[in-house]
Protein backbone atom coordinates (compact mmCIF):
# COMPACT_ATOMS: atom_id res chain seq x y z
CA MET A 1 110.79 90.40 101.98
CA ILE A 2 113.04 93.46 102.56
CA ARG A 3 112.77 94.18 106.59
CA TYR A 4 111.68 97.20 107.42
CA GLN A 5 114.47 98.86 110.36
CA ARG A 6 112.81 102.47 110.41
CA LEU A 7 109.10 103.28 110.41
CA GLU A 8 108.73 106.93 109.75
CA HIS A 9 104.57 108.52 111.34
CA ARG A 10 102.41 110.48 110.24
CA PHE A 11 98.92 111.55 111.54
CA LEU A 12 95.77 111.87 109.55
CA ARG A 13 92.17 111.17 110.29
CA ASN A 14 91.73 108.22 107.83
CA VAL A 15 93.76 105.66 107.28
CA PRO A 16 94.67 105.46 103.55
CA ASP A 17 93.56 102.43 101.25
CA THR A 18 97.14 101.70 99.72
CA LEU A 19 99.90 101.71 102.53
CA LYS A 20 103.33 103.03 101.77
CA ASN A 21 105.97 100.83 102.72
CA GLY A 22 108.27 102.04 106.06
CA MET A 23 104.94 104.20 107.24
CA LEU A 24 102.88 104.22 110.30
CA TYR A 25 99.50 105.79 110.23
CA ILE A 26 97.88 107.26 112.97
CA SER A 27 93.96 108.76 113.33
CA MET A 28 93.77 109.37 116.40
CA ASP A 29 90.09 110.53 115.50
CA TYR A 30 89.69 106.36 115.49
CA ALA A 31 92.30 105.70 118.26
CA THR A 32 93.20 103.62 114.87
CA SER A 33 97.39 102.90 113.18
CA ALA A 34 97.85 100.92 110.62
CA HIS A 35 101.00 100.07 108.68
CA ARG A 36 102.33 97.39 106.29
CA CYS A 37 103.84 94.36 108.62
CA CYS A 38 107.60 95.35 109.59
CA SER A 39 108.14 91.67 108.61
CA GLY A 40 108.51 92.51 105.36
CA CYS A 41 105.91 90.65 104.39
CA GLY A 42 103.92 93.36 103.31
CA GLU A 43 100.13 92.64 104.87
CA LYS A 44 98.52 95.02 106.78
CA VAL A 45 98.68 95.41 110.67
CA VAL A 46 95.93 97.23 112.02
CA THR A 47 95.70 98.22 115.64
CA ARG A 48 92.96 99.63 117.98
CA PHE A 49 94.20 102.20 121.40
CA SER A 50 92.45 101.43 124.56
CA PRO A 51 92.49 101.43 127.93
CA THR A 52 93.09 97.46 128.53
CA ASP A 53 94.42 96.88 125.09
CA TRP A 54 97.64 99.04 123.11
CA LYS A 55 98.28 102.39 123.82
CA MET A 56 100.13 104.87 122.12
CA ALA A 57 102.44 107.46 123.31
CA PHE A 58 104.34 110.71 121.10
CA ASP A 59 107.21 112.53 122.63
CA GLY A 60 106.80 115.78 119.64
CA GLU A 61 109.70 113.26 117.71
CA ILE A 62 109.13 109.52 118.89
CA ILE A 63 105.48 107.64 118.54
CA ALA A 64 106.12 104.36 120.42
CA LEU A 65 102.86 101.83 120.76
CA HIS A 66 102.74 99.56 123.92
CA PRO A 67 103.08 96.67 124.26
CA SER A 68 104.86 95.24 120.84
CA ILE A 69 102.32 93.81 118.14
CA GLY A 70 102.50 90.14 117.58
CA ASN A 71 100.84 88.83 113.82
CA TRP A 72 99.96 85.40 114.80
CA GLN A 73 96.97 85.88 112.65
CA LEU A 74 99.94 86.59 109.32
CA PRO A 75 102.08 83.95 107.39
CA CYS A 76 105.59 86.05 108.51
CA ARG A 77 104.15 84.98 112.16
CA SER A 78 106.51 88.20 113.11
CA HIS A 79 106.60 90.06 116.47
CA CYS A 80 106.84 93.59 116.39
CA VAL A 81 108.20 96.45 118.83
CA ILE A 82 106.76 99.93 116.82
CA ARG A 83 108.84 102.83 118.21
CA ALA A 84 108.43 104.98 114.83
CA GLY A 85 111.09 107.09 113.96
CA GLU A 86 113.75 105.39 115.19
CA SER A 87 114.32 101.67 114.93
CA ASN A 88 112.34 98.63 115.48
CA ARG A 89 112.51 95.26 116.70
CA CYS A 90 110.98 93.15 114.43
CA ARG A 91 111.00 89.07 114.85
CA THR A 92 109.89 86.67 112.66
CA LEU A 93 109.00 82.99 114.07
CA GLU A 94 109.61 80.26 112.15
């Protein structure tokens, strides 16, 4: 199991069916992001942006998702702070 300490980001219209490790895909058309879990378990994590739930910030270089993403439904039960373009903090609960 390889943890991903750094994510690259890519803007596109549709999120691909197969996700590349270490890549955060962002679709502004569908207000959605997707990535493979940073814990290394490989599960697909989809985050939908909304005024009351998750938001995305982009400063021209770094993408941040707020609030953090808790993957409680995944076997790894990870909790991640996503800042694509710099180090991510991901911790698993055991």
